[in-house]
Structures are given as structure tokens and as C-alpha cells.
N, C-alpha and C. Protein backbone atom coordinates (compact mmCIF):
# COMPACT_ATOMS: atom_id res chain seq x y z
N UNK A 1 95.14 65.61 40.66
CA UNK A 1 95.36 65.17 39.20
C UNK A 1 94.05 64.57 38.78
N UNK A 2 94.01 63.41 39.69
CA UNK A 2 93.27 62.50 39.63
C UNK A 2 91.82 63.39 39.50
N UNK A 3 90.94 63.76 40.34
CA UNK A 3 90.18 64.82 40.64
C UNK A 3 90.32 66.12 39.46
N UNK A 4 90.98 66.63 39.11
CA UNK A 4 91.23 67.36 37.65
C UNK A 4 90.21 66.36 36.55
N UNK A 5 91.04 65.59 36.44
CA UNK A 5 90.52 64.02 35.35
C UNK A 5 89.27 63.85 35.47
N UNK A 6 88.64 63.87 36.57
CA UNK A 6 87.44 63.20 36.77
C UNK A 6 86.34 64.91 36.30
N UNK A 7 86.67 65.83 36.52
CA UNK A 7 86.44 67.14 36.91
C UNK A 7 85.66 67.57 35.07
N UNK A 8 87.00 67.03 34.33
CA UNK A 8 86.89 67.16 33.18
C UNK A 8 86.05 66.10 32.44
N UNK A 9 86.05 65.06 32.73
CA UNK A 9 84.81 64.03 32.27
C UNK A 9 83.75 63.84 32.62
N UNK A 10 83.31 65.01 33.60
CA UNK A 10 82.16 65.24 34.06
C UNK A 10 81.53 66.32 33.60
N UNK A 11 82.83 67.79 32.78
CA UNK A 11 81.94 68.13 32.17
C UNK A 11 81.63 68.42 30.75
N UNK A 12 82.53 67.37 30.12
CA UNK A 12 82.18 67.17 28.54
C UNK A 12 80.74 66.51 28.41
N UNK A 13 80.45 65.59 29.49
CA UNK A 13 79.12 64.77 29.18
C UNK A 13 77.99 66.39 28.77
N UNK A 14 78.11 67.23 29.75
CA UNK A 14 77.34 68.38 28.97
C UNK A 14 77.68 69.22 28.37
N UNK A 15 79.21 69.27 27.46
CA UNK A 15 79.17 69.95 25.87
C UNK A 15 78.49 69.61 25.21
N UNK A 16 77.96 71.02 24.26
CA UNK A 16 77.06 70.59 22.80
C UNK A 16 77.94 69.95 22.02
N UNK A 17 78.98 70.29 21.64
CA UNK A 17 80.21 69.58 20.57
C UNK A 17 80.97 68.64 21.56
N UNK A 18 80.77 67.84 21.60
CA UNK A 18 81.16 66.74 22.45
C UNK A 18 79.87 65.32 22.34
N UNK A 19 80.50 63.75 21.50
CA UNK A 19 79.57 63.57 21.05
C UNK A 19 80.64 61.65 21.61
N UNK A 20 79.75 61.45 22.68
CA UNK A 20 79.92 60.34 22.95
C UNK A 20 78.89 58.87 23.20
N UNK A 21 79.54 58.25 21.63
CA UNK A 21 78.98 57.23 21.37
C UNK A 21 78.16 55.68 22.71
N UNK A 22 79.87 55.85 23.84
CA UNK A 22 79.64 54.40 24.18
C UNK A 22 78.68 54.86 25.65
N UNK A 23 78.74 56.36 25.52
CA UNK A 23 77.94 56.75 26.68
C UNK A 23 76.77 57.05 26.53
N UNK A 24 75.91 57.61 25.24
CA UNK A 24 74.94 58.09 25.00
C UNK A 24 74.42 57.49 23.98
N UNK A 25 74.69 56.70 22.87
CA UNK A 25 74.32 55.90 22.00
C UNK A 25 74.74 54.79 21.28
N UNK A 26 74.33 53.70 21.00
CA UNK A 26 74.88 52.63 20.43
C UNK A 26 75.51 52.95 19.24
N UNK A 27 76.13 51.85 18.95
CA UNK A 27 77.67 51.93 18.21
C UNK A 27 77.03 50.99 17.21
N UNK A 28 76.13 50.00 17.19
CA UNK A 28 75.59 50.05 16.05
C UNK A 28 74.44 50.75 15.42
N UNK A 29 73.99 51.05 14.39
CA UNK A 29 73.17 51.69 13.51
C UNK A 29 73.33 53.47 14.25
N UNK A 30 74.35 53.79 14.24
CA UNK A 30 74.78 55.13 15.22
C UNK A 30 74.22 56.13 14.41
N UNK A 31 73.44 57.36 15.39
CA UNK A 31 72.39 57.98 14.48
C UNK A 31 72.98 59.26 14.13
N UNK A 32 73.86 59.10 13.50
CA UNK A 32 74.78 60.40 12.67
C UNK A 32 75.59 60.18 11.86
N UNK A 33 75.45 58.64 11.62
CA UNK A 33 76.60 58.20 10.21
C UNK A 33 75.46 58.42 9.77
N UNK A 34 76.26 58.89 8.28
CA UNK A 34 75.70 59.83 7.24
C UNK A 34 74.74 60.90 7.10
N UNK A 35 74.87 61.50 8.44
CA UNK A 35 74.03 62.59 9.17
C UNK A 35 74.70 63.45 9.92
N UNK A 36 76.00 63.96 9.61
CA UNK A 36 76.65 64.21 10.72
C UNK A 36 76.51 65.96 10.23
N UNK A 37 76.57 66.00 8.95
CA UNK A 37 76.02 67.61 8.28
C UNK A 37 74.68 67.91 8.49
N UNK A 38 73.64 66.93 8.19
CA UNK A 38 71.95 67.65 8.29
C UNK A 38 71.58 67.28 9.73
N UNK A 39 71.96 66.58 10.88
CA UNK A 39 71.59 66.43 11.60
C UNK A 39 72.44 67.13 12.95
N UNK A 40 73.66 67.05 12.99
CA UNK A 40 74.53 67.62 14.02
C UNK A 40 74.84 68.94 14.15
N UNK A 41 75.81 69.76 12.42
CA UNK A 41 76.09 70.68 12.14
C UNK A 41 75.50 71.76 11.47
N UNK A 42 73.59 71.13 10.94
CA UNK A 42 73.16 71.46 10.27
C UNK A 42 73.39 72.38 9.04
N UNK A 43 74.10 71.86 8.34
CA UNK A 43 74.85 72.30 7.12
C UNK A 43 75.23 71.30 6.32
N UNK A 44 75.58 71.52 4.89
CA UNK A 44 76.13 70.48 4.14
C UNK A 44 77.90 70.45 3.28
N UNK A 45 78.12 71.51 4.75
CA UNK A 45 79.72 71.44 4.25
C UNK A 45 80.73 70.46 4.34
N UNK A 46 81.81 69.92 3.48
CA UNK A 46 82.58 69.27 4.11
C UNK A 46 83.43 69.24 5.27
N UNK A 47 83.25 67.35 6.03
CA UNK A 47 84.29 67.44 6.85
C UNK A 47 85.35 66.75 6.84
N UNK A 48 86.30 67.38 7.99
CA UNK A 48 87.28 66.76 8.39
C UNK A 48 87.60 66.70 9.44
N UNK A 49 88.32 65.41 9.12
CA UNK A 49 88.93 64.69 10.11
C UNK A 49 89.97 64.99 11.00
N UNK A 50 90.35 64.92 12.28
CA UNK A 50 91.66 64.67 13.19
C UNK A 50 91.58 63.29 14.25
N UNK A 51 92.01 62.53 13.30
CA UNK A 51 92.16 61.68 14.19
C UNK A 51 93.80 61.09 15.78
N UNK A 52 93.26 61.13 16.55
CA UNK A 52 93.72 61.04 17.60
C UNK A 52 94.18 62.70 18.20
N UNK A 53 93.39 63.42 18.23
CA UNK A 53 93.32 64.64 18.29
C UNK A 53 94.31 65.10 19.68
N UNK A 54 94.09 64.44 20.61
CA UNK A 54 94.83 64.96 21.31
C UNK A 54 93.87 66.31 22.49
N UNK A 55 94.91 67.33 22.38
CA UNK A 55 93.96 68.28 23.30
C UNK A 55 93.38 69.15 22.17
N UNK A 56 93.14 68.58 20.93
CA UNK A 56 92.20 69.70 19.67
C UNK A 56 92.74 70.61 19.27
N UNK A 57 93.98 70.85 19.35
CA UNK A 57 94.59 71.97 18.64
C UNK A 57 94.30 72.04 17.55
N UNK A 58 95.04 70.86 16.93
CA UNK A 58 94.47 70.83 15.36
C UNK A 58 92.91 70.96 14.65
N UNK A 59 91.91 70.18 15.32
CA UNK A 59 90.39 70.81 15.24
C UNK A 59 90.82 71.84 15.27
N UNK A 60 90.69 72.79 16.14
CA UNK A 60 90.12 74.28 17.05
C UNK A 60 90.62 75.02 15.40
N UNK A 61 91.92 74.40 15.24
CA UNK A 61 92.66 75.38 14.38
C UNK A 61 92.33 75.65 13.22
N UNK A 62 91.88 73.77 12.77
CA UNK A 62 91.08 73.77 11.38
C UNK A 62 89.89 74.77 11.32
N UNK A 63 89.11 74.32 12.21
CA UNK A 63 88.03 75.37 11.81
C UNK A 63 87.95 76.50 12.37
N UNK A 64 88.54 77.49 12.66
CA UNK A 64 89.20 78.72 12.57
C UNK A 64 89.61 79.10 11.27
N UNK A 65 89.88 78.54 10.60
CA UNK A 65 91.09 78.40 9.13
C UNK A 65 90.13 78.45 8.01
N UNK A 66 89.22 77.39 8.16
CA UNK A 66 88.22 76.74 7.56
C UNK A 66 87.22 77.13 7.86
N UNK A 67 86.38 78.14 7.60
CA UNK A 67 85.37 78.04 8.77
C UNK A 67 83.86 77.70 7.66
N UNK A 68 84.49 77.39 6.17
CA UNK A 68 83.34 76.60 5.49
C UNK A 68 83.99 75.03 5.17
N UNK A 69 84.60 74.36 6.29
CA UNK A 69 84.01 73.45 6.58
C UNK A 69 84.08 72.84 8.08
N UNK A 70 83.62 71.56 8.31
CA UNK A 70 83.06 71.10 9.25
C UNK A 70 84.28 70.49 10.45
N UNK A 71 84.85 70.72 11.39
CA UNK A 71 85.84 69.71 11.66
C UNK A 71 85.84 68.87 12.76
N UNK A 72 86.01 68.05 12.92
CA UNK A 72 86.13 66.81 14.12
C UNK A 72 86.96 66.34 14.63
N UNK A 73 87.33 66.86 16.07
CA UNK A 73 88.60 65.79 16.42
C UNK A 73 88.15 64.51 16.91
N UNK A 74 89.06 63.27 17.08
CA UNK A 74 88.67 61.79 17.29
C UNK A 74 89.67 61.64 18.10
N UNK A 75 88.82 61.28 19.87
CA UNK A 75 90.20 60.49 20.60
C UNK A 75 89.43 59.88 21.68
N UNK A 76 90.34 59.00 21.92
CA UNK A 76 89.22 58.01 23.08
C UNK A 76 89.52 58.88 24.77
N UNK A 77 90.32 59.43 24.87
CA UNK A 77 90.63 60.28 26.31
C UNK A 77 90.14 61.12 26.08
N UNK A 78 89.18 61.63 26.62
CA UNK A 78 87.80 62.43 27.46
C UNK A 78 88.74 64.28 28.16
N UNK A 79 89.61 63.45 29.35
CA UNK A 79 90.24 64.22 29.39
C UNK A 79 91.00 65.44 28.85
N UNK A 80 91.39 64.61 27.28
CA UNK A 80 92.65 65.47 26.59
C UNK A 80 91.34 66.20 25.93
N UNK A 81 90.53 65.35 25.08
CA UNK A 81 89.21 66.07 24.40
C UNK A 81 88.70 67.72 25.37
N UNK A 82 88.49 67.61 25.85
CA UNK A 82 87.92 69.09 27.28
C UNK A 82 88.38 69.97 26.81
N UNK A 83 90.21 70.01 26.58
CA UNK A 83 90.62 71.40 26.68
C UNK A 83 90.39 71.91 24.71
N UNK A 84 90.22 71.40 23.58
CA UNK A 84 89.65 71.16 22.74
C UNK A 84 88.29 71.94 22.84
N UNK A 85 87.39 71.02 23.38
CA UNK A 85 85.87 71.58 23.12
C UNK A 85 85.53 73.13 24.22
N UNK A 86 86.50 72.92 25.39
CA UNK A 86 86.29 73.64 25.91
C UNK A 86 86.42 74.93 25.15
N UNK A 87 87.90 75.30 24.27
CA UNK A 87 88.24 76.23 23.44
C UNK A 87 87.21 76.70 22.54
N UNK A 88 86.49 75.90 21.74
CA UNK A 88 85.94 75.72 20.51
C UNK A 88 84.68 76.50 21.36
N UNK A 89 84.03 75.99 22.42
CA UNK A 89 82.59 76.56 23.06
C UNK A 89 83.25 78.06 23.52
N UNK A 90 84.02 78.48 24.31
CA UNK A 90 84.07 79.47 24.78
C UNK A 90 84.34 80.97 23.45
N UNK A 91 85.16 80.06 22.67
CA UNK A 91 85.40 80.99 21.65
C UNK A 91 84.16 81.27 20.47
N UNK A 92 82.75 80.23 20.93
CA UNK A 92 81.51 80.50 19.69
C UNK A 92 82.29 79.55 18.64
N UNK A 93 82.67 79.06 18.19
CA UNK A 93 83.03 77.85 17.23
C UNK A 93 82.33 76.83 16.69
N UNK A 94 81.31 77.27 15.70
CA UNK A 94 80.41 76.39 15.77
C UNK A 94 80.78 75.16 14.98
N UNK A 95 82.25 75.24 14.14
CA UNK A 95 82.26 74.13 12.73
C UNK A 95 83.26 73.36 14.13
N UNK A 96 83.43 73.43 14.77
CA UNK A 96 84.13 72.37 15.74
C UNK A 96 83.80 71.20 16.68
N UNK A 97 83.92 69.95 16.52
CA UNK A 97 83.56 69.29 17.41
C UNK A 97 84.23 67.83 17.63
N UNK A 98 83.95 67.57 18.59
CA UNK A 98 84.89 66.21 19.25
C UNK A 98 83.86 64.82 19.59
N UNK A 99 84.37 64.12 19.29
CA UNK A 99 83.97 62.71 18.55
C UNK A 99 84.81 61.55 19.97
N UNK A 100 84.40 61.09 21.15
CA UNK A 100 85.03 60.10 21.69
C UNK A 100 85.19 58.89 21.18
N UNK A 101 85.56 58.10 21.15
CA UNK A 101 86.02 56.97 20.59
C UNK A 101 87.16 56.70 20.12
N UNK A 102 87.28 55.00 20.02
CA UNK A 102 88.64 54.29 19.32
C UNK A 102 88.53 54.54 17.75
N UNK A 103 89.36 54.79 17.13
CA UNK A 103 90.04 55.20 15.61
C UNK A 103 89.45 54.05 15.28
N UNK A 104 89.67 52.79 15.31
CA UNK A 104 89.15 51.44 14.82
C UNK A 104 88.12 51.65 14.99
N UNK A 105 86.75 52.04 15.26
CA UNK A 105 85.64 52.44 15.01
C UNK A 105 84.83 53.09 13.98
N UNK A 106 86.04 54.22 13.11
CA UNK A 106 85.55 55.00 12.55
C UNK A 106 85.04 54.58 11.65
N UNK A 107 84.49 53.43 11.12
CA UNK A 107 82.99 53.18 9.87
C UNK A 107 82.14 52.81 10.31
N UNK A 108 82.22 52.95 11.99
CA UNK A 108 80.47 52.74 12.29
C UNK A 108 80.21 54.21 12.55
N UNK A 109 80.81 55.27 13.01
CA UNK A 109 80.58 56.45 13.02
C UNK A 109 80.32 57.44 11.70
N UNK A 110 80.40 56.89 10.65
CA UNK A 110 80.82 57.73 9.37
C UNK A 110 80.67 56.81 8.41
N UNK A 111 79.88 57.36 7.22
CA UNK A 111 79.18 56.50 6.12
C UNK A 111 80.54 57.14 4.85
N UNK A 112 80.15 56.04 3.74
CA UNK A 112 80.75 56.30 2.92
C UNK A 112 80.64 57.77 2.12
N UNK A 113 82.14 57.92 1.66
CA UNK A 113 82.06 59.22 1.45
C UNK A 113 81.47 60.71 2.09
N UNK A 114 81.73 60.39 3.39
CA UNK A 114 81.30 61.55 4.17
C UNK A 114 82.20 62.30 4.71
N UNK A 115 83.67 61.77 4.37
CA UNK A 115 84.84 62.63 5.07
C UNK A 115 85.40 63.31 3.62
N UNK A 116 85.69 64.41 3.82
CA UNK A 116 86.14 65.17 2.91
C UNK A 116 87.65 65.44 3.34
N UNK A 117 88.39 64.70 4.08
CA UNK A 117 89.99 64.75 4.78
C UNK A 117 90.37 64.50 6.43
N UNK A 118 91.46 63.75 6.27
CA UNK A 118 92.17 63.83 7.52
C UNK A 118 93.48 63.50 7.83
N UNK A 119 93.60 64.54 9.08
CA UNK A 119 94.39 64.88 9.75
C UNK A 119 95.04 63.79 11.00
N UNK A 120 96.28 63.77 11.18
CA UNK A 120 96.96 62.80 11.83
C UNK A 120 98.15 63.50 12.15
N UNK A 121 98.06 64.05 13.90
CA UNK A 121 98.85 64.64 14.00
C UNK A 121 99.94 63.81 15.46
N UNK A 122 100.99 63.66 15.43
CA UNK A 122 101.79 63.40 16.63
C UNK A 122 101.01 62.02 17.19
N UNK A 123 100.50 60.91 16.44
CA UNK A 123 100.22 59.67 17.06
C UNK A 123 101.15 59.10 17.65
N UNK A 124 100.64 58.09 18.22
CA UNK A 124 101.65 57.19 18.66
C UNK A 124 102.33 56.49 17.84
N UNK A 125 103.63 56.51 17.34
CA UNK A 125 104.02 55.90 16.78
C UNK A 125 103.95 53.78 16.32
N UNK A 126 104.04 53.72 17.78
CA UNK A 126 103.55 51.67 17.62
C UNK A 126 104.99 51.22 17.17
N UNK A 127 105.95 51.37 18.20
CA UNK A 127 106.92 51.20 17.65
C UNK A 127 107.37 49.88 17.29
N UNK A 128 107.03 49.04 18.22
CA UNK A 128 106.68 47.64 18.49
C UNK A 128 106.52 46.77 17.21
N UNK A 129 106.90 45.66 16.76
CA UNK A 129 106.64 45.38 15.58
C UNK A 129 105.06 44.63 15.91
N UNK A 130 105.02 44.08 17.12
CA UNK A 130 103.83 43.45 17.41
C UNK A 130 102.28 44.33 16.85
N UNK A 131 102.82 45.73 17.03
CA UNK A 131 102.02 46.81 17.17
C UNK A 131 101.62 47.51 15.44
N UNK A 132 102.49 47.40 14.33
CA UNK A 132 102.50 47.64 13.55
C UNK A 132 100.74 48.38 13.12
N UNK A 133 100.27 47.07 13.03
CA UNK A 133 98.66 47.55 12.77
C UNK A 133 97.76 48.76 13.35
N UNK A 134 98.47 48.76 14.73
CA UNK A 134 98.04 50.04 15.41
C UNK A 134 97.99 51.01 14.42
N UNK A 135 99.28 51.21 14.11
CA UNK A 135 99.77 52.49 13.62
C UNK A 135 98.78 53.31 12.47
N UNK A 136 98.48 54.11 12.69
CA UNK A 136 97.30 54.92 12.11
C UNK A 136 97.74 55.08 10.37
N UNK A 137 98.81 55.17 10.19
CA UNK A 137 99.04 55.23 8.94
C UNK A 137 99.01 53.77 8.15
N UNK A 138 98.71 52.63 9.49
CA UNK A 138 98.92 51.07 8.57
C UNK A 138 98.18 51.12 7.62
N UNK A 139 98.29 49.68 6.50
CA UNK A 139 97.01 49.40 5.37
C UNK A 139 95.77 49.35 6.04
N UNK A 140 96.00 48.85 7.43
CA UNK A 140 94.57 48.46 7.75
C UNK A 140 93.49 49.82 8.16
N UNK A 141 94.54 50.87 8.59
CA UNK A 141 93.64 52.10 8.97
C UNK A 141 93.36 52.95 7.54
N UNK A 142 94.41 52.20 6.66
CA UNK A 142 93.80 53.36 5.73
C UNK A 142 92.75 52.64 4.85
N UNK A 143 92.66 51.11 4.92
CA UNK A 143 91.67 51.17 4.51
C UNK A 143 90.33 51.21 5.37
N UNK A 144 90.15 51.79 6.43
CA UNK A 144 88.92 52.43 7.08
C UNK A 144 88.90 53.76 6.87
N UNK A 145 89.77 54.51 6.28
CA UNK A 145 90.02 55.69 6.04
C UNK A 145 89.27 55.78 4.74
N UNK A 146 89.24 54.65 3.95
CA UNK A 146 89.25 54.50 2.56
C UNK A 146 87.52 54.53 2.56
N UNK A 147 87.37 54.05 3.15
CA UNK A 147 85.34 53.25 3.46
C UNK A 147 84.93 54.31 3.79
N UNK A 148 85.19 55.88 4.46
CA UNK A 148 84.76 56.75 4.67
C UNK A 148 84.99 58.43 3.97
N UNK A 149 85.79 58.05 3.05
CA UNK A 149 86.77 59.46 2.52
C UNK A 149 86.23 59.46 1.36
N UNK A 150 85.81 60.66 0.72
CA UNK A 150 85.45 60.84 -1.11
C UNK A 150 86.47 60.68 -1.75
N UNK A 151 86.78 60.35 -3.01
CA UNK A 151 87.98 60.03 -3.52
C UNK A 151 88.84 61.53 -3.58
N UNK A 152 90.28 61.51 -3.60
CA UNK A 152 90.52 62.32 -4.10
C UNK A 152 90.86 63.55 -2.12
N UNK A 153 90.38 62.89 -1.14
CA UNK A 153 90.77 63.71 -0.62
C UNK A 153 92.15 63.38 0.26
N UNK A 154 92.34 64.51 0.92
CA UNK A 154 93.82 64.27 1.57
C UNK A 154 93.49 63.80 2.62
N UNK A 155 94.86 63.00 2.89
CA UNK A 155 95.76 62.78 4.14
C UNK A 155 96.68 63.21 4.54
N UNK A 156 96.87 63.83 5.84
CA UNK A 156 97.88 64.31 6.42
C UNK A 156 98.32 63.83 7.47
N UNK A 157 100.00 63.52 7.47
CA UNK A 157 100.85 63.05 8.72
C UNK A 157 101.46 64.31 8.44
N UNK A 158 101.66 64.07 10.52
CA UNK A 158 102.68 65.24 11.51
C UNK A 158 103.37 64.50 12.20
N UNK A 159 104.99 64.19 12.25
CA UNK A 159 105.31 63.45 13.22
C UNK A 159 106.79 63.49 13.44
N UNK A 160 107.11 63.60 14.65
CA UNK A 160 108.43 63.77 15.66
C UNK A 160 109.21 62.42 15.09
N UNK A 161 108.61 61.51 14.50
CA UNK A 161 108.95 60.11 13.96
C UNK A 161 109.40 59.69 13.01
N UNK A 162 110.86 59.38 13.01
CA UNK A 162 111.45 59.11 11.63
C UNK A 162 110.58 57.69 10.97
N UNK A 163 110.83 56.33 11.96
CA UNK A 163 110.11 55.48 11.71
C UNK A 163 108.75 56.10 11.50
N UNK A 164 107.67 56.61 11.48
CA UNK A 164 106.94 55.99 11.58
C UNK A 164 106.71 57.37 9.94
N UNK A 165 107.19 58.35 9.87
CA UNK A 165 107.57 58.67 8.46
C UNK A 165 107.71 57.79 7.44
N UNK A 166 108.88 57.26 7.85
CA UNK A 166 109.40 56.00 6.62
C UNK A 166 108.31 55.17 6.48
N UNK A 167 107.78 54.26 7.33
CA UNK A 167 107.13 53.26 7.40
C UNK A 167 105.82 53.57 6.75
N UNK A 168 105.42 54.95 6.64
CA UNK A 168 103.78 55.39 6.20
C UNK A 168 104.56 55.84 4.73
N UNK A 169 105.69 56.45 3.97
CA UNK A 169 106.27 56.52 2.77
C UNK A 169 106.08 55.13 2.33
N UNK A 170 106.60 53.58 3.37
CA UNK A 170 106.97 52.73 2.08
C UNK A 170 105.37 52.20 1.85
N UNK A 171 104.40 52.55 3.16
CA UNK A 171 103.07 51.92 3.07
C UNK A 171 102.27 52.60 1.72
N UNK A 172 102.62 53.86 1.87
CA UNK A 172 101.72 54.67 0.75
C UNK A 172 102.44 54.00 -0.91
N UNK A 173 103.48 53.62 -0.83
CA UNK A 173 104.12 53.72 -2.32
C UNK A 173 103.67 51.48 -2.21
N UNK A 174 103.65 51.17 -1.26
CA UNK A 174 103.66 49.59 -1.56
C UNK A 174 101.61 49.60 -2.37
N UNK A 175 100.78 50.42 -1.55
CA UNK A 175 99.54 50.56 -1.85
C UNK A 175 99.59 51.13 -3.37
N UNK A 176 100.20 51.59 -3.56
CA UNK A 176 99.71 52.42 -4.88
C UNK A 176 99.30 53.92 -4.82
N UNK A 177 99.15 54.33 -3.30
CA UNK A 177 98.81 55.55 -3.35
C UNK A 177 99.44 56.60 -3.82
N UNK A 178 99.01 57.62 -3.66
CA UNK A 178 99.69 58.81 -4.53
C UNK A 178 100.08 59.90 -3.14
N UNK A 179 101.50 60.19 -3.70
CA UNK A 179 102.12 60.90 -2.48
C UNK A 179 102.43 62.21 -3.03
N UNK A 180 101.64 63.44 -2.42
CA UNK A 180 101.58 64.78 -2.43
C UNK A 180 102.27 65.68 -2.50
N UNK A 181 103.38 65.32 -1.06
CA UNK A 181 104.38 66.12 -0.53
C UNK A 181 104.71 65.54 0.90
N UNK A 182 106.28 65.49 0.91
CA UNK A 182 106.55 65.43 2.21
C UNK A 182 108.16 65.92 2.31
N UNK A 183 108.32 66.07 3.91
CA UNK A 183 109.33 66.55 4.24
C UNK A 183 110.00 66.24 5.52
N UNK A 184 111.18 65.76 5.68
CA UNK A 184 111.66 65.17 6.90
C UNK A 184 112.32 66.50 7.71
N UNK A 185 111.95 67.54 7.62
CA UNK A 185 112.39 68.99 8.68
C UNK A 185 110.90 70.26 8.05
N UNK A 186 109.79 69.89 8.68
CA UNK A 186 108.29 70.96 8.39
C UNK A 186 109.09 72.77 7.99
N UNK A 187 110.23 73.02 9.00
CA UNK A 187 110.03 74.50 9.76
C UNK A 187 111.40 74.98 8.50
N UNK A 188 112.37 74.13 7.83
CA UNK A 188 112.67 74.69 6.75
C UNK A 188 112.51 75.34 5.60
N UNK A 189 111.05 74.62 5.28
CA UNK A 189 110.21 74.45 3.89
C UNK A 189 109.45 76.25 4.18
N UNK A 190 110.03 76.78 3.01
CA UNK A 190 109.18 78.00 2.71
C UNK A 190 108.33 78.00 1.51
N UNK A 191 106.98 78.33 1.89
CA UNK A 191 105.95 78.93 0.75
C UNK A 191 105.16 77.53 0.65
N UNK A 192 104.75 76.70 1.76
CA UNK A 192 103.75 76.22 1.52
C UNK A 192 102.45 76.25 0.97
N UNK A 193 101.82 74.94 0.56
CA UNK A 193 100.82 75.81 -0.30
C UNK A 193 100.16 75.76 1.27
N UNK A 194 99.81 75.22 2.36
CA UNK A 194 98.58 75.56 3.32
C UNK A 194 99.73 75.55 4.27
N UNK A 195 99.79 77.20 4.71
CA UNK A 195 100.19 77.54 6.14
C UNK A 195 99.92 77.10 7.16
N UNK A 196 98.76 76.56 6.87
CA UNK A 196 98.26 76.25 8.52
C UNK A 196 99.34 75.39 8.87
N UNK A 197 99.41 74.49 8.52
CA UNK A 197 100.29 73.22 8.89
C UNK A 197 101.70 73.33 9.65
N UNK A 198 102.13 74.69 9.11
CA UNK A 198 103.35 75.65 10.15
C UNK A 198 102.66 76.32 11.69
N UNK A 199 101.78 76.94 11.18
CA UNK A 199 101.14 78.17 12.07
C UNK A 199 100.03 77.16 12.98
N UNK A 200 99.96 76.19 12.80
CA UNK A 200 99.19 75.19 13.88
C UNK A 200 99.71 74.48 15.01
N UNK A 201 100.39 74.05 16.15
CA UNK A 201 101.10 73.30 16.28
C UNK A 201 100.59 72.96 17.54
N UNK A 202 100.78 71.68 18.06
CA UNK A 202 100.11 71.14 19.10
C UNK A 202 101.03 70.99 19.87
N UNK A 203 100.27 70.91 21.46
CA UNK A 203 101.08 70.65 22.60
C UNK A 203 102.74 69.93 22.58
N UNK A 204 102.43 68.82 21.38
CA UNK A 204 103.84 68.02 21.75
C UNK A 204 104.83 67.99 20.66
N UNK A 205 104.02 69.07 19.82
CA UNK A 205 104.95 69.74 18.57
C UNK A 205 105.59 70.57 19.62
N UNK A 206 104.89 71.59 19.98
CA UNK A 206 106.41 72.03 20.40
C UNK A 206 106.63 72.03 21.35
N UNK A 207 106.77 70.89 22.19
CA UNK A 207 107.84 70.09 23.21
C UNK A 207 109.02 69.82 21.83
N UNK A 208 108.66 69.04 21.27
CA UNK A 208 109.44 68.36 20.24
C UNK A 208 110.44 69.57 19.67
N UNK A 209 109.61 70.98 19.39
CA UNK A 209 110.99 72.37 18.82
C UNK A 209 111.38 72.26 19.61
N UNK A 210 111.60 72.56 21.29
CA UNK A 210 111.71 73.11 22.00
C UNK A 210 113.26 72.45 22.04
N UNK A 211 112.77 70.80 22.26
CA UNK A 211 114.48 70.12 22.14
C UNK A 211 114.93 70.23 21.13
N UNK A 212 114.68 70.52 19.75
CA UNK A 212 115.67 70.70 18.69
C UNK A 212 114.93 69.96 17.92
N UNK A 213 114.35 68.79 17.76
CA UNK A 213 113.57 67.49 17.03
C UNK A 213 113.06 68.41 15.93
N UNK A 214 112.96 67.76 14.65
CA UNK A 214 112.90 67.86 13.88
C UNK A 214 111.00 67.54 13.35
N UNK A 215 111.00 68.06 12.79
CA UNK A 215 109.55 67.32 12.25
C UNK A 215 108.78 67.16 11.31
N UNK A 216 108.71 66.07 10.86
CA UNK A 216 108.22 65.47 9.66
C UNK A 216 106.49 65.31 9.28
N UNK A 217 106.61 65.76 8.17
CA UNK A 217 105.03 66.06 7.28
C UNK A 217 104.76 64.98 6.04
N UNK A 218 103.82 64.63 5.84
CA UNK A 218 103.84 64.59 4.79
C UNK A 218 102.37 64.21 4.11
N UNK A 219 101.49 64.15 2.64
CA UNK A 219 100.64 64.59 2.51
C UNK A 219 100.24 63.67 1.19
N UNK A 220 99.22 62.47 1.39
CA UNK A 220 98.78 61.81 0.27
C UNK A 220 97.41 61.73 -0.09
N UNK A 221 97.34 61.10 -1.15
CA UNK A 221 96.01 60.83 -1.43
C UNK A 221 95.49 59.07 -1.81
N UNK A 222 94.36 58.30 -0.98
CA UNK A 222 94.13 57.14 -1.33
C UNK A 222 94.45 56.80 -2.78
N UNK A 223 94.77 55.36 -3.07
CA UNK A 223 94.21 54.70 -4.10
C UNK A 223 92.94 54.28 -3.90
N UNK A 224 91.72 54.68 -4.92
CA UNK A 224 90.74 54.14 -5.75
C UNK A 224 90.47 52.89 -6.25
N UNK A 225 89.98 52.26 -6.19
CA UNK A 225 89.88 50.99 -7.22
C UNK A 225 87.81 51.15 -7.87
């Protein structure tokens, strides 16, 4: 297993669709900040992020479903990113890319209003109270998202954690953000506006569904002042 991980780490160093700022580029004055469309994707299409993308199933799925958008999966674990990046290269999906970094550094990598949407798929719920600031829907993270999102852009959360789902609803309410849709059992819903929400499933999602666990989902927009 260790050898396989090392091989994947070595592979992504040469993947054209993987950016690793810690290895190749300085974090301060990051050369793609504000220029992802022009200098990386070579177009001016909207940019969609998947935060904590894991194996990148949603990043690749979004890129396939929305060829008019550029999709970037973000995760710090290179051996996980390898799976989605390899698939995107193999299938020739030019609008899928991966950024290996910690989500806390989002504002170093993207400029104001550079991002048109964010997906958060099955993140670590950080159940301990002492780690609530680490939750990807905490007020601290929502402030980071606000600094890079275009006003009115959607944020999507998919989780098996009822605690994280309820916590996020509280954060949305307390922050004056606008909830668009929520459900505690995604796969009981019919006629969704975005069928991709049900059609694309992550590795962990399939595992939870096999265990009979309900999948929670919500979509909201940040309040901009």
C-alpha cells in the first residue's frame, strides 16, 4: 500500500491537470490567482470548486455534465487526487483540474469573484466541539468562500452527518444567508432542479448508501454586504 501511494505521488508531479503550489509555486503571489481561466484553462468560463474533493468523483462528474464550466477539485491528499486526475486525463476532459492544498489557503489561490460555485461532498464533520472552526461550513470557512465567490453563487453540501447538516442550517440562519433547498433524505426526492446531485456519487456516498444511511443535502447562497 505504501509503495502504491508513493507511485501516485510521483505520478501527479507530471499530470498536466494537477497544480501543487507547495511543490512548484510560492503560495504568496500565486501566479494563477485571478488568472485561472486565462492562463490555465485558456478560456473565460465560470469556475466551480469542489472543496475536499477526495478521489474527485464530483469534480470529474461536474466537468462532464457542465462542459461550459471549469471545475477544480481541491484536496491536500495527493494519492486521492490521483484517481480523479487520472480519469480526467484518460477521458480527455479538458475542463477538470485538481489543486493540491489545504482548504484554509483558498484565498491565496483565487481572487475576489473568481469562483462561480462551490461543492462540498462528504467532508469530515469534525464532530469535536474544539474543532468546529475546521468544519467546511463554519463561519470561518464561509468567510473564505465569500472572498472568492461571485455574489449569488451557490454552495452545495452533501453529507451523511446529521450533526453537520443541522450545524450548517444553524450557520446559514445565524449568518443571514439564503437557503435554497434542503433535504434529510436526498434519494427520496423526485424532480430535483439539478439531477446531477443524485446521479454523481462519491466513493463514500456509495458506501453509506449500501449501509442504508440517508444522505443529507442542502444548497444556499451567502449574504453579501
